[in-house]
Amino acid sequence: MARAATTADAFNAVAEPQRRRILDVLADGERSVTALVEDLGLTQPQVSKHLRVLRDVGAVDVREDGRHRLYRLNAEALKPIHEWVGRYERFWSERFDRLDAVIEDLKRQEHRDERTENRP
């Protein structure tokens, strides 16, 4: 039985750290494979392999510029990841709000304790 592709969607494609690094670089603007090789310190075959996966899921687009191929980020393809993470953003926001409240209570208590210690 053939093994199923693990990069059929954006979630799986960006699970690989080198592909996330490529997306980070492309977020600053389009680059050639040569520029990506230099920026990332990877070999040309590695970069090309990762770009193919990212292209297949639509996370990067490519355009011809003479003899060069320039790659750019297609953030729209990452929207499902953003939406999924957004669900958990509310969770963390509520947790941080509660943590802020606890910290403020501790500061007030510390301030009260300091005033009590300094009384004659």
N, C-alpha and C. Protein backbone atom coordinates (compact mmCIF):
# COMPACT_ATOMS: atom_id res chain seq x y z
N MET A 1 0.85 -1.18 0.00
CA MET A 1 0.00 0.00 0.00
C MET A 1 0.89 1.24 0.00
N ALA A 2 0.62 2.18 -0.90
CA ALA A 2 1.42 3.40 -1.01
C ALA A 2 1.15 4.31 0.18
N ARG A 3 2.20 4.98 0.60
CA ARG A 3 2.07 5.91 1.71
C ARG A 3 1.43 7.21 1.22
N ALA A 4 0.49 7.74 1.99
CA ALA A 4 -0.19 8.98 1.61
C ALA A 4 0.76 10.16 1.74
N ALA A 5 0.60 11.12 0.88
CA ALA A 5 1.41 12.33 0.94
C ALA A 5 1.14 13.06 2.25
N THR A 6 2.19 13.56 2.86
CA THR A 6 2.03 14.27 4.13
C THR A 6 2.00 15.78 3.93
N THR A 7 2.05 16.22 2.70
CA THR A 7 2.08 17.66 2.44
C THR A 7 0.92 18.09 1.56
N ALA A 8 -0.21 17.46 1.73
CA ALA A 8 -1.36 17.73 0.87
C ALA A 8 -2.08 19.02 1.23
N ASP A 9 -1.79 19.61 2.38
CA ASP A 9 -2.44 20.86 2.75
C ASP A 9 -1.43 21.78 3.43
N ALA A 10 -1.84 23.00 3.65
CA ALA A 10 -0.94 24.00 4.23
C ALA A 10 -0.46 23.60 5.62
N PHE A 11 -1.31 22.98 6.41
CA PHE A 11 -0.93 22.59 7.76
C PHE A 11 0.29 21.65 7.73
N ASN A 12 0.19 20.62 6.91
CA ASN A 12 1.29 19.67 6.83
C ASN A 12 2.52 20.28 6.16
N ALA A 13 2.30 21.12 5.17
CA ALA A 13 3.43 21.73 4.48
C ALA A 13 4.25 22.60 5.41
N VAL A 14 3.60 23.37 6.27
CA VAL A 14 4.35 24.26 7.16
C VAL A 14 4.80 23.57 8.45
N ALA A 15 4.47 22.31 8.59
CA ALA A 15 4.96 21.56 9.76
C ALA A 15 6.46 21.36 9.70
N GLU A 16 7.03 21.45 8.52
CA GLU A 16 8.47 21.26 8.33
C GLU A 16 9.19 22.59 8.59
N PRO A 17 10.12 22.63 9.54
CA PRO A 17 10.78 23.89 9.92
C PRO A 17 11.47 24.64 8.77
N GLN A 18 12.10 23.93 7.85
CA GLN A 18 12.78 24.62 6.75
C GLN A 18 11.78 25.33 5.84
N ARG A 19 10.61 24.75 5.68
CA ARG A 19 9.60 25.40 4.86
C ARG A 19 9.08 26.65 5.55
N ARG A 20 8.96 26.61 6.87
CA ARG A 20 8.56 27.82 7.60
C ARG A 20 9.62 28.90 7.45
N ARG A 21 10.88 28.52 7.46
CA ARG A 21 11.96 29.50 7.26
C ARG A 21 11.85 30.13 5.87
N ILE A 22 11.57 29.32 4.88
CA ILE A 22 11.41 29.84 3.52
C ILE A 22 10.25 30.85 3.48
N LEU A 23 9.14 30.51 4.11
CA LEU A 23 8.00 31.43 4.14
C LEU A 23 8.36 32.72 4.85
N ASP A 24 9.14 32.62 5.93
CA ASP A 24 9.58 33.82 6.65
C ASP A 24 10.39 34.74 5.75
N VAL A 25 11.29 34.17 4.97
CA VAL A 25 12.11 34.97 4.05
C VAL A 25 11.24 35.58 2.96
N LEU A 26 10.33 34.78 2.42
CA LEU A 26 9.47 35.28 1.34
C LEU A 26 8.47 36.32 1.83
N ALA A 27 8.20 36.34 3.12
CA ALA A 27 7.31 37.37 3.67
C ALA A 27 7.92 38.76 3.49
N ASP A 28 9.24 38.84 3.35
CA ASP A 28 9.92 40.12 3.13
C ASP A 28 9.98 40.50 1.66
N GLY A 29 9.54 39.63 0.76
CA GLY A 29 9.54 39.93 -0.66
C GLY A 29 10.00 38.74 -1.48
N GLU A 30 9.77 38.83 -2.77
CA GLU A 30 10.09 37.69 -3.63
C GLU A 30 11.59 37.48 -3.74
N ARG A 31 11.96 36.20 -3.96
CA ARG A 31 13.36 35.82 -4.04
C ARG A 31 13.53 34.73 -5.09
N SER A 32 14.71 34.67 -5.63
CA SER A 32 15.08 33.57 -6.51
C SER A 32 15.53 32.40 -5.65
N VAL A 33 15.64 31.23 -6.27
CA VAL A 33 16.15 30.07 -5.54
C VAL A 33 17.55 30.37 -5.03
N THR A 34 18.37 30.99 -5.88
CA THR A 34 19.75 31.32 -5.48
C THR A 34 19.77 32.21 -4.24
N ALA A 35 18.91 33.21 -4.21
CA ALA A 35 18.84 34.10 -3.05
C ALA A 35 18.38 33.34 -1.81
N LEU A 36 17.42 32.44 -1.98
CA LEU A 36 16.96 31.64 -0.84
C LEU A 36 18.07 30.73 -0.32
N VAL A 37 18.83 30.14 -1.23
CA VAL A 37 19.96 29.29 -0.83
C VAL A 37 20.93 30.11 0.02
N GLU A 38 21.24 31.32 -0.44
CA GLU A 38 22.17 32.19 0.30
C GLU A 38 21.57 32.62 1.64
N ASP A 39 20.31 33.02 1.65
CA ASP A 39 19.67 33.49 2.88
C ASP A 39 19.54 32.40 3.94
N LEU A 40 19.28 31.18 3.49
CA LEU A 40 18.96 30.10 4.42
C LEU A 40 20.12 29.16 4.71
N GLY A 41 21.15 29.19 3.88
CA GLY A 41 22.27 28.28 4.09
C GLY A 41 21.92 26.83 3.78
N LEU A 42 20.94 26.63 2.92
CA LEU A 42 20.57 25.29 2.50
C LEU A 42 21.14 25.05 1.10
N THR A 43 21.10 23.81 0.66
CA THR A 43 21.55 23.50 -0.70
C THR A 43 20.44 23.83 -1.67
N GLN A 44 20.80 23.99 -2.94
CA GLN A 44 19.82 24.29 -3.97
C GLN A 44 18.78 23.18 -4.09
N PRO A 45 19.18 21.90 -4.07
CA PRO A 45 18.15 20.84 -4.15
C PRO A 45 17.19 20.86 -2.96
N GLN A 46 17.69 21.18 -1.77
CA GLN A 46 16.80 21.26 -0.60
C GLN A 46 15.77 22.37 -0.78
N VAL A 47 16.25 23.54 -1.17
CA VAL A 47 15.35 24.68 -1.35
C VAL A 47 14.32 24.36 -2.43
N SER A 48 14.77 23.81 -3.54
CA SER A 48 13.85 23.48 -4.64
C SER A 48 12.80 22.48 -4.20
N LYS A 49 13.20 21.49 -3.43
CA LYS A 49 12.25 20.47 -2.94
C LYS A 49 11.18 21.12 -2.06
N HIS A 50 11.62 21.97 -1.15
CA HIS A 50 10.68 22.63 -0.25
C HIS A 50 9.77 23.60 -1.01
N LEU A 51 10.33 24.30 -1.98
CA LEU A 51 9.51 25.21 -2.78
C LEU A 51 8.44 24.46 -3.56
N ARG A 52 8.78 23.29 -4.05
CA ARG A 52 7.79 22.50 -4.78
C ARG A 52 6.61 22.14 -3.88
N VAL A 53 6.91 21.74 -2.66
CA VAL A 53 5.84 21.40 -1.71
C VAL A 53 4.99 22.63 -1.42
N LEU A 54 5.65 23.76 -1.18
CA LEU A 54 4.92 24.99 -0.88
C LEU A 54 4.09 25.46 -2.07
N ARG A 55 4.62 25.26 -3.27
CA ARG A 55 3.86 25.59 -4.49
C ARG A 55 2.65 24.69 -4.62
N ASP A 56 2.84 23.41 -4.36
CA ASP A 56 1.74 22.43 -4.50
C ASP A 56 0.55 22.76 -3.61
N VAL A 57 0.81 23.34 -2.43
CA VAL A 57 -0.30 23.69 -1.53
C VAL A 57 -0.73 25.15 -1.73
N GLY A 58 -0.08 25.86 -2.66
CA GLY A 58 -0.45 27.23 -2.98
C GLY A 58 0.15 28.29 -2.07
N ALA A 59 1.06 27.91 -1.18
CA ALA A 59 1.64 28.87 -0.23
C ALA A 59 2.65 29.81 -0.88
N VAL A 60 3.20 29.41 -2.03
CA VAL A 60 4.09 30.30 -2.78
C VAL A 60 3.68 30.28 -4.24
N ASP A 61 3.92 31.40 -4.87
CA ASP A 61 3.70 31.54 -6.31
C ASP A 61 5.06 31.76 -6.96
N VAL A 62 5.15 31.45 -8.23
CA VAL A 62 6.41 31.64 -8.96
C VAL A 62 6.11 32.40 -10.24
N ARG A 63 7.04 33.26 -10.62
CA ARG A 63 6.91 33.96 -11.89
C ARG A 63 8.26 33.93 -12.59
N GLU A 64 8.20 33.92 -13.90
CA GLU A 64 9.41 33.92 -14.72
C GLU A 64 9.88 35.35 -14.91
N ASP A 65 11.17 35.56 -14.77
CA ASP A 65 11.76 36.87 -15.03
C ASP A 65 13.03 36.61 -15.84
N GLY A 66 12.87 36.54 -17.14
CA GLY A 66 13.99 36.15 -17.99
C GLY A 66 14.33 34.71 -17.73
N ARG A 67 15.58 34.47 -17.36
CA ARG A 67 16.02 33.10 -17.06
C ARG A 67 15.81 32.74 -15.59
N HIS A 68 15.31 33.68 -14.82
CA HIS A 68 15.14 33.45 -13.38
C HIS A 68 13.68 33.14 -13.03
N ARG A 69 13.54 32.35 -12.00
CA ARG A 69 12.21 32.10 -11.43
C ARG A 69 12.19 32.77 -10.07
N LEU A 70 11.23 33.63 -9.87
CA LEU A 70 11.11 34.36 -8.61
C LEU A 70 9.90 33.84 -7.84
N TYR A 71 10.13 33.57 -6.57
CA TYR A 71 9.10 33.01 -5.70
C TYR A 71 8.61 34.09 -4.75
N ARG A 72 7.32 34.05 -4.48
CA ARG A 72 6.74 35.00 -3.53
C ARG A 72 5.69 34.28 -2.68
N LEU A 73 5.47 34.81 -1.52
CA LEU A 73 4.50 34.26 -0.58
C LEU A 73 3.09 34.49 -1.09
N ASN A 74 2.25 33.50 -0.94
CA ASN A 74 0.81 33.63 -1.19
C ASN A 74 0.13 33.38 0.15
N ALA A 75 0.01 34.45 0.92
CA ALA A 75 -0.51 34.33 2.28
C ALA A 75 -1.95 33.82 2.32
N GLU A 76 -2.69 34.02 1.26
CA GLU A 76 -4.09 33.56 1.22
C GLU A 76 -4.17 32.04 1.46
N ALA A 77 -3.17 31.31 0.97
CA ALA A 77 -3.17 29.85 1.16
C ALA A 77 -2.95 29.47 2.62
N LEU A 78 -2.43 30.40 3.42
CA LEU A 78 -2.18 30.12 4.84
C LEU A 78 -3.37 30.54 5.71
N LYS A 79 -4.40 31.08 5.09
CA LYS A 79 -5.57 31.55 5.83
C LYS A 79 -6.20 30.46 6.70
N PRO A 80 -6.33 29.21 6.23
CA PRO A 80 -6.90 28.18 7.11
C PRO A 80 -6.10 28.01 8.41
N ILE A 81 -4.79 28.17 8.34
CA ILE A 81 -3.96 28.06 9.55
C ILE A 81 -4.28 29.23 10.47
N HIS A 82 -4.35 30.42 9.89
CA HIS A 82 -4.65 31.62 10.68
C HIS A 82 -6.01 31.49 11.38
N GLU A 83 -6.99 31.01 10.64
CA GLU A 83 -8.33 30.85 11.22
C GLU A 83 -8.34 29.82 12.34
N TRP A 84 -7.62 28.73 12.14
CA TRP A 84 -7.57 27.69 13.16
C TRP A 84 -6.88 28.20 14.42
N VAL A 85 -5.75 28.87 14.25
CA VAL A 85 -5.02 29.41 15.40
C VAL A 85 -5.85 30.49 16.09
N GLY A 86 -6.63 31.24 15.31
CA GLY A 86 -7.47 32.29 15.88
C GLY A 86 -8.43 31.77 16.94
N ARG A 87 -8.89 30.56 16.77
CA ARG A 87 -9.79 29.97 17.77
C ARG A 87 -9.09 29.85 19.11
N TYR A 88 -7.81 29.59 19.12
CA TYR A 88 -7.06 29.43 20.35
C TYR A 88 -6.56 30.76 20.89
N GLU A 89 -6.54 31.77 20.06
CA GLU A 89 -6.14 33.10 20.50
C GLU A 89 -7.07 33.60 21.60
N ARG A 90 -8.37 33.36 21.44
CA ARG A 90 -9.34 33.75 22.46
C ARG A 90 -9.03 33.05 23.79
N PHE A 91 -8.70 31.78 23.71
CA PHE A 91 -8.36 31.01 24.91
C PHE A 91 -7.18 31.65 25.63
N TRP A 92 -6.10 31.93 24.89
CA TRP A 92 -4.91 32.50 25.51
C TRP A 92 -5.16 33.91 26.00
N SER A 93 -5.94 34.67 25.29
CA SER A 93 -6.25 36.03 25.70
C SER A 93 -6.97 36.03 27.05
N GLU A 94 -7.93 35.12 27.21
CA GLU A 94 -8.64 35.01 28.49
C GLU A 94 -7.69 34.60 29.60
N ARG A 95 -6.80 33.67 29.31
CA ARG A 95 -5.83 33.24 30.33
C ARG A 95 -4.92 34.38 30.75
N PHE A 96 -4.43 35.15 29.78
CA PHE A 96 -3.54 36.27 30.09
C PHE A 96 -4.28 37.36 30.86
N ASP A 97 -5.55 37.57 30.54
CA ASP A 97 -6.34 38.55 31.30
C ASP A 97 -6.45 38.12 32.76
N ARG A 98 -6.70 36.83 32.98
CA ARG A 98 -6.79 36.34 34.36
C ARG A 98 -5.44 36.44 35.07
N LEU A 99 -4.36 36.15 34.34
CA LEU A 99 -3.02 36.27 34.92
C LEU A 99 -2.72 37.72 35.30
N ASP A 100 -3.10 38.65 34.44
CA ASP A 100 -2.93 40.08 34.74
C ASP A 100 -3.66 40.45 36.02
N ALA A 101 -4.86 39.93 36.20
CA ALA A 101 -5.64 40.23 37.40
C ALA A 101 -4.94 39.69 38.65
N VAL A 102 -4.41 38.49 38.57
CA VAL A 102 -3.69 37.90 39.71
C VAL A 102 -2.46 38.74 40.04
N ILE A 103 -1.73 39.15 39.04
CA ILE A 103 -0.52 39.96 39.26
C ILE A 103 -0.89 41.29 39.92
N GLU A 104 -1.95 41.91 39.44
CA GLU A 104 -2.39 43.17 40.05
C GLU A 104 -2.79 42.96 41.51
N ASP A 105 -3.48 41.87 41.82
CA ASP A 105 -3.84 41.57 43.21
C ASP A 105 -2.58 41.39 44.05
N LEU A 106 -1.59 40.69 43.53
CA LEU A 106 -0.35 40.48 44.27
C LEU A 106 0.38 41.81 44.52
N LYS A 107 0.38 42.69 43.52
CA LYS A 107 1.03 44.00 43.68
C LYS A 107 0.32 44.81 44.77
N ARG A 108 -1.02 44.80 44.74
CA ARG A 108 -1.77 45.53 45.77
C ARG A 108 -1.49 44.96 47.15
N GLN A 109 -1.44 43.66 47.26
CA GLN A 109 -1.15 43.02 48.55
C GLN A 109 0.25 43.39 49.02
N GLU A 110 1.22 43.38 48.11
CA GLU A 110 2.59 43.73 48.46
C GLU A 110 2.66 45.17 48.93
N HIS A 111 1.93 46.05 48.26
CA HIS A 111 1.91 47.46 48.63
C HIS A 111 1.30 47.64 50.02
N ARG A 112 0.20 46.90 50.30
CA ARG A 112 -0.43 46.97 51.63
C ARG A 112 0.54 46.45 52.69
N ASP A 113 1.25 45.36 52.38
CA ASP A 113 2.20 44.80 53.35
C ASP A 113 3.33 45.78 53.64
N GLU A 114 3.80 46.48 52.63
CA GLU A 114 4.87 47.46 52.82
C GLU A 114 4.40 48.61 53.70
N ARG A 115 3.16 49.08 53.47
CA ARG A 115 2.63 50.16 54.29
C ARG A 115 2.48 49.71 55.75
N THR A 116 2.05 48.46 55.96
CA THR A 116 1.86 47.95 57.32
C THR A 116 3.21 47.85 58.01
N GLU A 117 4.25 47.42 57.34
CA GLU A 117 5.58 47.29 57.94
C GLU A 117 6.19 48.63 58.29
N ASN A 118 5.83 49.67 57.56
CA ASN A 118 6.42 51.00 57.77
C ASN A 118 5.66 51.83 58.79
N ARG A 119 4.59 51.30 59.39
CA ARG A 119 3.83 52.04 60.39
C ARG A 119 4.62 52.07 61.70
N PRO A 120 4.48 53.19 62.44
CA PRO A 120 5.18 53.29 63.73
C PRO A 120 4.54 52.47 64.81
